[in-house]
Amino acid sequence: TANFEDFGAAMLTVVQLVTGDEWQDIMLDCQVTPPACTERFDKSVYGWEEWGLPEYEFGDCGQSTMAPIFFISFTLVCSNIMLNLFIGMILDNFSFITDEVAQQEDDNWTEGASSEQLAAMTRSFKLFDRGTTYIPISSVISLMQVMYKPLGFVDPVTLSVDTTHS
């Protein structure tokens, strides 16, 4: 199924190679040498003239020495790139977590939710989940009525003013 006949098939083949999905089989197919292949597609191929096909200057033979060099190099380079992307994502998430320490709590969550805001959301959710980590759809409005803005309907400023008067 791996081929380069059109752009879509070529991209699928490259994805197959990058993800390591049976790349060694494609490499072995590229190592085929005569007599297991056709060196040139021309009238020397049995039935070529009857089929009415044009003659080509190429065949379907590979190179037994260059195929392993290319595929192993390609796999190593792509694996290195994927590993660097993965490590970059981990470092980016780590920097996000360490930035949270210096984060100022904001009612509009412009910098994302702080750990206190996440804890408040968790407490609100636990009021309705009955220990299942799911809430019925009928409880969503009630959940929104006890959660702080921007996810819920409760204004933290109004709530703090109301609690000081009681």
N, C-alpha and C. Protein backbone atom coordinates (compact mmCIF):
# COMPACT_ATOMS: atom_id res chain seq x y z
N THR A 1 0.82 -1.21 0.00
CA THR A 1 0.00 0.00 0.00
C THR A 1 0.86 1.26 0.00
N ALA A 2 2.12 1.13 0.29
CA ALA A 2 3.00 2.30 0.30
C ALA A 2 3.42 2.61 -1.12
N ASN A 3 3.12 3.83 -1.57
CA ASN A 3 3.54 4.25 -2.90
C ASN A 3 3.58 5.77 -2.96
N PHE A 4 4.10 6.26 -4.07
CA PHE A 4 4.22 7.70 -4.29
C PHE A 4 3.52 8.10 -5.59
N GLU A 5 2.44 7.40 -5.93
CA GLU A 5 1.75 7.66 -7.19
C GLU A 5 1.07 9.02 -7.21
N ASP A 6 0.54 9.45 -6.07
CA ASP A 6 -0.06 10.79 -5.99
C ASP A 6 0.30 11.39 -4.63
N PHE A 7 -0.07 12.65 -4.44
CA PHE A 7 0.33 13.36 -3.23
C PHE A 7 -0.23 12.71 -1.96
N GLY A 8 -1.49 12.32 -1.99
CA GLY A 8 -2.11 11.71 -0.81
C GLY A 8 -1.43 10.40 -0.40
N ALA A 9 -1.19 9.55 -1.39
CA ALA A 9 -0.52 8.27 -1.11
C ALA A 9 0.90 8.51 -0.63
N ALA A 10 1.58 9.51 -1.20
CA ALA A 10 2.94 9.82 -0.77
C ALA A 10 2.96 10.31 0.67
N MET A 11 2.01 11.15 1.04
CA MET A 11 1.96 11.64 2.42
C MET A 11 1.66 10.51 3.40
N LEU A 12 0.76 9.60 3.03
CA LEU A 12 0.48 8.45 3.89
C LEU A 12 1.71 7.56 4.04
N THR A 13 2.47 7.41 2.98
CA THR A 13 3.70 6.62 3.04
C THR A 13 4.72 7.28 3.96
N VAL A 14 4.86 8.59 3.85
CA VAL A 14 5.81 9.31 4.72
C VAL A 14 5.37 9.22 6.18
N VAL A 15 4.06 9.35 6.44
CA VAL A 15 3.56 9.21 7.82
C VAL A 15 3.84 7.79 8.33
N GLN A 16 3.65 6.81 7.47
CA GLN A 16 3.94 5.43 7.85
C GLN A 16 5.42 5.27 8.21
N LEU A 17 6.29 5.89 7.45
CA LEU A 17 7.72 5.81 7.74
C LEU A 17 8.08 6.56 9.01
N VAL A 18 7.50 7.75 9.20
CA VAL A 18 7.83 8.57 10.38
C VAL A 18 7.35 7.90 11.66
N THR A 19 6.18 7.28 11.62
CA THR A 19 5.65 6.63 12.82
C THR A 19 6.27 5.26 13.07
N GLY A 20 7.09 4.79 12.14
CA GLY A 20 7.77 3.50 12.33
C GLY A 20 6.89 2.32 12.02
N ASP A 21 5.79 2.53 11.30
CA ASP A 21 4.85 1.46 11.00
C ASP A 21 5.36 0.62 9.83
N GLU A 22 6.04 -0.47 10.12
CA GLU A 22 6.55 -1.42 9.14
C GLU A 22 7.47 -0.78 8.10
N TRP A 23 8.28 0.18 8.54
CA TRP A 23 9.21 0.83 7.62
C TRP A 23 10.23 -0.16 7.09
N GLN A 24 10.55 -1.17 7.88
CA GLN A 24 11.54 -2.15 7.43
C GLN A 24 11.01 -2.96 6.25
N ASP A 25 9.68 -3.16 6.14
CA ASP A 25 9.14 -3.86 4.98
C ASP A 25 9.29 -3.02 3.71
N ILE A 26 9.06 -1.72 3.84
CA ILE A 26 9.24 -0.83 2.69
C ILE A 26 10.71 -0.81 2.28
N MET A 27 11.60 -0.81 3.28
CA MET A 27 13.04 -0.84 2.99
C MET A 27 13.41 -2.13 2.23
N LEU A 28 12.87 -3.25 2.66
CA LEU A 28 13.16 -4.51 1.98
C LEU A 28 12.61 -4.51 0.56
N ASP A 29 11.44 -3.88 0.35
CA ASP A 29 10.90 -3.77 -1.01
C ASP A 29 11.80 -2.92 -1.90
N CYS A 30 12.45 -1.93 -1.31
CA CYS A 30 13.35 -1.06 -2.09
C CYS A 30 14.70 -1.71 -2.33
N GLN A 31 14.95 -2.86 -1.76
CA GLN A 31 16.22 -3.57 -1.95
C GLN A 31 16.12 -4.66 -3.01
N VAL A 32 14.97 -4.82 -3.64
CA VAL A 32 14.78 -5.90 -4.61
C VAL A 32 15.70 -5.69 -5.80
N THR A 33 16.40 -6.76 -6.19
CA THR A 33 17.32 -6.72 -7.33
C THR A 33 16.95 -7.83 -8.30
N PRO A 34 17.43 -7.75 -9.56
CA PRO A 34 17.13 -8.79 -10.55
C PRO A 34 17.63 -10.15 -10.05
N PRO A 35 16.97 -11.18 -10.34
CA PRO A 35 15.86 -11.41 -11.28
C PRO A 35 14.48 -11.23 -10.65
N ALA A 36 14.38 -10.75 -9.42
CA ALA A 36 13.08 -10.61 -8.75
C ALA A 36 12.37 -9.31 -9.14
N CYS A 37 12.91 -8.54 -10.06
CA CYS A 37 12.30 -7.28 -10.47
C CYS A 37 12.51 -7.08 -11.97
N THR A 38 11.89 -6.03 -12.50
CA THR A 38 12.03 -5.68 -13.91
C THR A 38 12.91 -4.45 -13.99
N GLU A 39 14.06 -4.60 -14.67
CA GLU A 39 15.01 -3.49 -14.73
C GLU A 39 14.49 -2.32 -15.55
N ARG A 40 13.75 -2.62 -16.62
CA ARG A 40 13.23 -1.56 -17.49
C ARG A 40 11.88 -1.98 -18.03
N PHE A 41 10.92 -1.07 -18.01
CA PHE A 41 9.61 -1.36 -18.58
C PHE A 41 9.61 -0.97 -20.05
N ASP A 42 9.84 -1.97 -20.88
CA ASP A 42 9.86 -1.76 -22.33
C ASP A 42 9.37 -3.03 -23.02
N LYS A 43 9.58 -3.12 -24.32
CA LYS A 43 9.06 -4.26 -25.06
C LYS A 43 9.75 -5.58 -24.72
N SER A 44 10.83 -5.54 -23.94
CA SER A 44 11.46 -6.79 -23.51
C SER A 44 10.62 -7.50 -22.45
N VAL A 45 9.67 -6.81 -21.85
CA VAL A 45 8.76 -7.43 -20.87
C VAL A 45 7.68 -8.17 -21.64
N TYR A 46 7.44 -9.41 -21.23
CA TYR A 46 6.47 -10.25 -21.92
C TYR A 46 5.09 -9.59 -21.90
N GLY A 47 4.47 -9.42 -23.07
CA GLY A 47 3.13 -8.87 -23.19
C GLY A 47 3.08 -7.35 -23.23
N TRP A 48 4.23 -6.70 -23.17
CA TRP A 48 4.24 -5.23 -23.12
C TRP A 48 3.63 -4.61 -24.38
N GLU A 49 3.99 -5.13 -25.53
CA GLU A 49 3.48 -4.58 -26.79
C GLU A 49 1.99 -4.86 -26.95
N GLU A 50 1.52 -6.03 -26.48
CA GLU A 50 0.10 -6.37 -26.58
C GLU A 50 -0.74 -5.44 -25.71
N TRP A 51 -0.17 -5.00 -24.61
CA TRP A 51 -0.90 -4.10 -23.71
C TRP A 51 -0.95 -2.68 -24.27
N GLY A 52 -0.10 -2.37 -25.22
CA GLY A 52 -0.08 -1.06 -25.83
C GLY A 52 0.46 0.03 -24.91
N LEU A 53 1.38 -0.33 -24.03
CA LEU A 53 1.94 0.63 -23.08
C LEU A 53 3.19 1.27 -23.64
N PRO A 54 3.48 2.52 -23.29
CA PRO A 54 4.71 3.16 -23.76
C PRO A 54 5.93 2.57 -23.05
N GLU A 55 7.08 2.75 -23.65
CA GLU A 55 8.31 2.27 -23.04
C GLU A 55 8.82 3.29 -22.04
N TYR A 56 9.38 2.80 -20.96
CA TYR A 56 9.91 3.68 -19.92
C TYR A 56 11.40 3.43 -19.74
N GLU A 57 12.09 4.42 -19.19
CA GLU A 57 13.52 4.31 -18.95
C GLU A 57 13.82 3.79 -17.54
N PHE A 58 12.80 3.37 -16.83
CA PHE A 58 12.99 2.90 -15.45
C PHE A 58 12.27 1.58 -15.25
N GLY A 59 12.56 0.95 -14.13
CA GLY A 59 11.92 -0.30 -13.77
C GLY A 59 11.50 -0.26 -12.32
N ASP A 60 11.33 -1.43 -11.73
CA ASP A 60 10.92 -1.47 -10.33
C ASP A 60 11.98 -2.11 -9.44
N CYS A 61 13.24 -2.05 -9.87
CA CYS A 61 14.34 -2.58 -9.06
C CYS A 61 14.81 -1.51 -8.07
N GLY A 62 15.34 -1.97 -6.97
CA GLY A 62 15.89 -1.06 -5.98
C GLY A 62 17.39 -1.18 -5.90
N GLN A 63 17.95 -0.57 -4.86
CA GLN A 63 19.39 -0.67 -4.64
C GLN A 63 19.62 -1.30 -3.28
N SER A 64 20.30 -2.42 -3.29
CA SER A 64 20.45 -3.18 -2.06
C SER A 64 21.37 -2.49 -1.05
N THR A 65 22.24 -1.59 -1.51
CA THR A 65 23.15 -0.92 -0.57
C THR A 65 22.61 0.42 -0.10
N MET A 66 21.94 1.17 -0.97
CA MET A 66 21.48 2.50 -0.60
C MET A 66 20.18 2.49 0.20
N ALA A 67 19.31 1.51 -0.02
CA ALA A 67 18.02 1.48 0.67
C ALA A 67 18.20 1.43 2.19
N PRO A 68 19.04 0.54 2.75
CA PRO A 68 19.20 0.55 4.21
C PRO A 68 19.80 1.85 4.74
N ILE A 69 20.75 2.40 4.01
CA ILE A 69 21.36 3.67 4.45
C ILE A 69 20.30 4.76 4.51
N PHE A 70 19.47 4.87 3.45
CA PHE A 70 18.44 5.91 3.41
C PHE A 70 17.40 5.70 4.50
N PHE A 71 16.84 4.49 4.60
CA PHE A 71 15.73 4.27 5.53
C PHE A 71 16.17 4.36 6.99
N ILE A 72 17.33 3.83 7.31
CA ILE A 72 17.80 3.93 8.70
C ILE A 72 18.11 5.38 9.05
N SER A 73 18.73 6.11 8.13
CA SER A 73 19.00 7.54 8.38
C SER A 73 17.69 8.31 8.53
N PHE A 74 16.74 8.07 7.64
CA PHE A 74 15.44 8.74 7.69
C PHE A 74 14.73 8.45 9.00
N THR A 75 14.74 7.21 9.42
CA THR A 75 14.07 6.83 10.67
C THR A 75 14.75 7.48 11.87
N LEU A 76 16.07 7.49 11.90
CA LEU A 76 16.78 8.11 13.02
C LEU A 76 16.51 9.62 13.09
N VAL A 77 16.55 10.29 11.95
CA VAL A 77 16.30 11.74 11.94
C VAL A 77 14.87 12.04 12.37
N CYS A 78 13.90 11.33 11.83
CA CYS A 78 12.50 11.59 12.19
C CYS A 78 12.23 11.22 13.65
N SER A 79 12.82 10.15 14.15
CA SER A 79 12.65 9.80 15.56
C SER A 79 13.24 10.88 16.46
N ASN A 80 14.38 11.43 16.05
CA ASN A 80 15.00 12.50 16.82
C ASN A 80 14.11 13.74 16.83
N ILE A 81 13.51 14.07 15.69
CA ILE A 81 12.62 15.23 15.63
C ILE A 81 11.40 15.00 16.52
N MET A 82 10.79 13.82 16.44
CA MET A 82 9.62 13.52 17.27
C MET A 82 9.97 13.55 18.75
N LEU A 83 11.13 13.03 19.12
CA LEU A 83 11.56 13.05 20.51
C LEU A 83 11.76 14.49 20.99
N ASN A 84 12.35 15.33 20.15
CA ASN A 84 12.54 16.74 20.51
C ASN A 84 11.21 17.45 20.68
N LEU A 85 10.23 17.16 19.82
CA LEU A 85 8.90 17.76 19.97
C LEU A 85 8.26 17.32 21.28
N PHE A 86 8.39 16.04 21.60
CA PHE A 86 7.81 15.51 22.84
C PHE A 86 8.47 16.16 24.06
N ILE A 87 9.78 16.26 24.06
CA ILE A 87 10.49 16.90 25.18
C ILE A 87 10.12 18.38 25.25
N GLY A 88 9.96 19.03 24.11
CA GLY A 88 9.54 20.43 24.09
C GLY A 88 8.17 20.62 24.72
N MET A 89 7.24 19.70 24.45
CA MET A 89 5.92 19.79 25.07
C MET A 89 6.01 19.61 26.58
N ILE A 90 6.83 18.68 27.03
CA ILE A 90 7.00 18.47 28.47
C ILE A 90 7.58 19.72 29.13
N LEU A 91 8.61 20.30 28.52
CA LEU A 91 9.22 21.51 29.08
C LEU A 91 8.26 22.68 29.07
N ASP A 92 7.45 22.80 28.04
CA ASP A 92 6.47 23.87 27.97
C ASP A 92 5.43 23.72 29.09
N ASN A 93 4.96 22.50 29.31
CA ASN A 93 4.01 22.26 30.40
C ASN A 93 4.67 22.50 31.76
N PHE A 94 5.92 22.14 31.89
CA PHE A 94 6.63 22.39 33.14
C PHE A 94 6.76 23.88 33.40
N SER A 95 7.05 24.66 32.36
CA SER A 95 7.16 26.11 32.55
C SER A 95 5.80 26.70 32.90
N PHE A 96 4.72 26.13 32.35
CA PHE A 96 3.39 26.60 32.70
C PHE A 96 3.10 26.36 34.18
N ILE A 97 3.51 25.19 34.67
CA ILE A 97 3.27 24.86 36.08
C ILE A 97 4.11 25.77 36.98
N THR A 98 5.36 26.00 36.63
CA THR A 98 6.19 26.85 37.47
C THR A 98 5.76 28.31 37.40
N ASP A 99 5.19 28.73 36.27
CA ASP A 99 4.68 30.10 36.17
C ASP A 99 3.45 30.29 37.05
N GLU A 100 2.75 29.20 37.35
CA GLU A 100 1.54 29.30 38.17
C GLU A 100 1.87 29.79 39.58
N VAL A 101 3.08 29.51 40.05
CA VAL A 101 3.48 29.94 41.38
C VAL A 101 3.46 31.47 41.47
N ALA A 102 3.88 32.13 40.40
CA ALA A 102 3.92 33.59 40.40
C ALA A 102 2.63 34.21 39.89
N GLN A 103 1.64 33.40 39.56
CA GLN A 103 0.40 33.90 38.97
C GLN A 103 -0.44 34.63 40.01
N GLN A 104 -0.98 35.76 39.59
CA GLN A 104 -1.90 36.52 40.43
C GLN A 104 -3.31 36.04 40.11
N GLU A 105 -4.09 35.79 41.15
CA GLU A 105 -5.45 35.33 40.93
C GLU A 105 -6.27 36.45 40.32
N ASP A 106 -7.00 36.11 39.27
CA ASP A 106 -7.76 37.08 38.51
C ASP A 106 -9.18 36.55 38.37
N ASP A 107 -10.18 37.37 38.65
CA ASP A 107 -11.57 36.92 38.57
C ASP A 107 -11.99 36.54 37.15
N ASN A 108 -11.36 37.12 36.14
CA ASN A 108 -11.69 36.82 34.75
C ASN A 108 -10.83 35.69 34.17
N TRP A 109 -9.89 35.18 34.94
CA TRP A 109 -9.02 34.07 34.54
C TRP A 109 -8.24 34.40 33.28
N THR A 110 -7.76 35.61 33.15
CA THR A 110 -7.02 35.99 31.94
C THR A 110 -5.73 35.20 31.81
N GLU A 111 -5.16 34.79 32.94
CA GLU A 111 -3.94 33.98 32.91
C GLU A 111 -4.22 32.51 33.16
N GLY A 112 -5.48 32.10 33.09
CA GLY A 112 -5.85 30.73 33.41
C GLY A 112 -6.27 30.62 34.86
N ALA A 113 -6.77 29.47 35.22
CA ALA A 113 -7.25 29.26 36.58
C ALA A 113 -6.08 29.04 37.54
N SER A 114 -6.19 29.64 38.71
CA SER A 114 -5.17 29.41 39.73
C SER A 114 -5.51 28.12 40.47
N SER A 115 -4.60 27.66 41.30
CA SER A 115 -4.86 26.41 42.03
C SER A 115 -6.03 26.58 43.00
N GLU A 116 -6.20 27.77 43.57
CA GLU A 116 -7.35 28.01 44.46
C GLU A 116 -8.66 27.96 43.67
N GLN A 117 -8.66 28.52 42.47
CA GLN A 117 -9.86 28.49 41.64
C GLN A 117 -10.18 27.07 41.19
N LEU A 118 -9.15 26.29 40.88
CA LEU A 118 -9.37 24.88 40.52
C LEU A 118 -9.92 24.10 41.71
N ALA A 119 -9.42 24.38 42.90
CA ALA A 119 -9.92 23.71 44.10
C ALA A 119 -11.39 24.08 44.34
N ALA A 120 -11.76 25.35 44.13
CA ALA A 120 -13.15 25.77 44.30
C ALA A 120 -14.05 25.08 43.28
N MET A 121 -13.58 24.93 42.04
CA MET A 121 -14.36 24.22 41.03
C MET A 121 -14.55 22.76 41.44
N THR A 122 -13.49 22.14 41.96
CA THR A 122 -13.57 20.74 42.39
C THR A 122 -14.58 20.58 43.52
N ARG A 123 -14.54 21.49 44.49
CA ARG A 123 -15.50 21.42 45.61
C ARG A 123 -16.93 21.57 45.09
N SER A 124 -17.15 22.48 44.17
CA SER A 124 -18.49 22.68 43.61
C SER A 124 -18.95 21.44 42.86
N PHE A 125 -18.07 20.84 42.10
CA PHE A 125 -18.43 19.65 41.33
C PHE A 125 -18.76 18.48 42.24
N LYS A 126 -18.02 18.34 43.33
CA LYS A 126 -18.24 17.22 44.26
C LYS A 126 -19.59 17.30 44.96
N LEU A 127 -20.19 18.48 44.98
CA LEU A 127 -21.53 18.61 45.57
C LEU A 127 -22.58 17.86 44.76
N PHE A 128 -22.31 17.63 43.47
CA PHE A 128 -23.32 17.05 42.59
C PHE A 128 -22.95 15.71 41.98
N ASP A 129 -21.71 15.24 42.10
CA ASP A 129 -21.30 14.03 41.38
C ASP A 129 -21.61 12.73 42.11
N ARG A 130 -21.99 12.79 43.39
CA ARG A 130 -22.32 11.60 44.19
C ARG A 130 -21.20 10.56 44.18
N GLY A 131 -19.96 11.03 44.08
CA GLY A 131 -18.80 10.13 44.11
C GLY A 131 -18.55 9.38 42.83
N THR A 132 -19.23 9.73 41.74
CA THR A 132 -19.10 8.98 40.48
C THR A 132 -18.22 9.70 39.46
N THR A 133 -17.84 10.93 39.71
CA THR A 133 -17.11 11.82 38.78
C THR A 133 -17.96 12.20 37.58
N TYR A 134 -19.25 11.93 37.63
CA TYR A 134 -20.20 12.35 36.60
C TYR A 134 -21.36 13.05 37.30
N ILE A 135 -21.98 13.99 36.58
CA ILE A 135 -23.18 14.61 37.14
C ILE A 135 -24.30 14.43 36.12
N PRO A 136 -25.53 14.25 36.62
CA PRO A 136 -26.64 14.15 35.68
C PRO A 136 -26.88 15.49 34.98
N ILE A 137 -27.41 15.42 33.80
CA ILE A 137 -27.65 16.64 33.02
C ILE A 137 -28.60 17.57 33.75
N SER A 138 -29.48 17.01 34.55
CA SER A 138 -30.44 17.84 35.29
C SER A 138 -29.76 18.67 36.38
N SER A 139 -28.54 18.31 36.76
CA SER A 139 -27.82 19.04 37.82
C SER A 139 -26.88 20.12 37.28
N VAL A 140 -26.78 20.25 35.97
CA VAL A 140 -25.83 21.20 35.39
C VAL A 140 -26.18 22.64 35.78
N ILE A 141 -27.47 22.99 35.70
CA ILE A 141 -27.88 24.35 36.06
C ILE A 141 -27.58 24.62 37.53
N SER A 142 -27.85 23.66 38.39
CA SER A 142 -27.55 23.83 39.81
C SER A 142 -26.06 23.99 40.04
N LEU A 143 -25.26 23.23 39.31
CA LEU A 143 -23.80 23.35 39.41
C LEU A 143 -23.36 24.74 38.99
N MET A 144 -23.91 25.24 37.91
CA MET A 144 -23.55 26.58 37.43
C MET A 144 -23.95 27.66 38.45
N GLN A 145 -24.99 27.40 39.21
CA GLN A 145 -25.46 28.39 40.18
C GLN A 145 -24.56 28.47 41.42
N VAL A 146 -23.73 27.47 41.65
CA VAL A 146 -22.83 27.52 42.81
C VAL A 146 -21.38 27.77 42.39
N MET A 147 -21.08 27.73 41.08
CA MET A 147 -19.71 27.96 40.62
C MET A 147 -19.48 29.44 40.35
N TYR A 148 -18.23 29.86 40.55
CA TYR A 148 -17.85 31.25 40.31
C TYR A 148 -17.73 31.52 38.82
N LYS A 149 -17.90 32.79 38.46
CA LYS A 149 -17.65 33.22 37.08
C LYS A 149 -16.17 33.03 36.79
N PRO A 150 -15.76 32.76 35.61
CA PRO A 150 -16.42 32.76 34.32
C PRO A 150 -17.12 31.46 33.97
N LEU A 151 -16.99 30.39 34.76
CA LEU A 151 -17.65 29.13 34.43
C LEU A 151 -19.06 29.06 34.97
N GLY A 152 -19.31 29.70 36.08
CA GLY A 152 -20.63 29.66 36.69
C GLY A 152 -21.29 31.01 36.68
N PHE A 153 -22.35 31.12 37.51
CA PHE A 153 -23.14 32.35 37.56
C PHE A 153 -22.79 33.23 38.75
N VAL A 154 -22.05 32.71 39.74
CA VAL A 154 -21.79 33.45 40.97
C VAL A 154 -20.66 34.45 40.75
N ASP A 155 -20.90 35.68 41.13
CA ASP A 155 -19.89 36.73 41.03
C ASP A 155 -19.07 36.71 42.33
N PRO A 156 -17.76 36.43 42.26
CA PRO A 156 -16.97 36.33 43.49
C PRO A 156 -16.94 37.64 44.28
N VAL A 157 -17.01 38.76 43.60
CA VAL A 157 -16.98 40.05 44.30
C VAL A 157 -18.26 40.22 45.10
N THR A 158 -19.41 39.94 44.50
CA THR A 158 -20.69 40.06 45.19
C THR A 158 -20.77 39.07 46.34
N LEU A 159 -20.26 37.86 46.11
CA LEU A 159 -20.31 36.84 47.15
C LEU A 159 -19.47 37.26 48.35
N SER A 160 -18.31 37.82 48.11
CA SER A 160 -17.47 38.23 49.23
C SER A 160 -18.08 39.39 49.96
N VAL A 161 -18.79 40.29 49.28
CA VAL A 161 -19.46 41.42 49.95
C VAL A 161 -20.62 40.90 50.79
N ASP A 162 -21.39 39.92 50.23
CA ASP A 162 -22.52 39.38 50.95
C ASP A 162 -22.08 38.64 52.21
N THR A 163 -20.97 37.93 52.17
CA THR A 163 -20.52 37.17 53.34
C THR A 163 -20.02 38.10 54.44
N THR A 164 -19.55 39.28 54.10
CA THR A 164 -19.07 40.20 55.16
C THR A 164 -20.23 40.86 55.88
N HIS A 165 -21.41 40.98 55.24
CA HIS A 165 -22.56 41.61 55.87
C HIS A 165 -23.31 40.67 56.76
N SER A 166 -23.14 39.37 56.64
CA SER A 166 -23.94 38.44 57.45
C SER A 166 -23.35 38.09 58.76
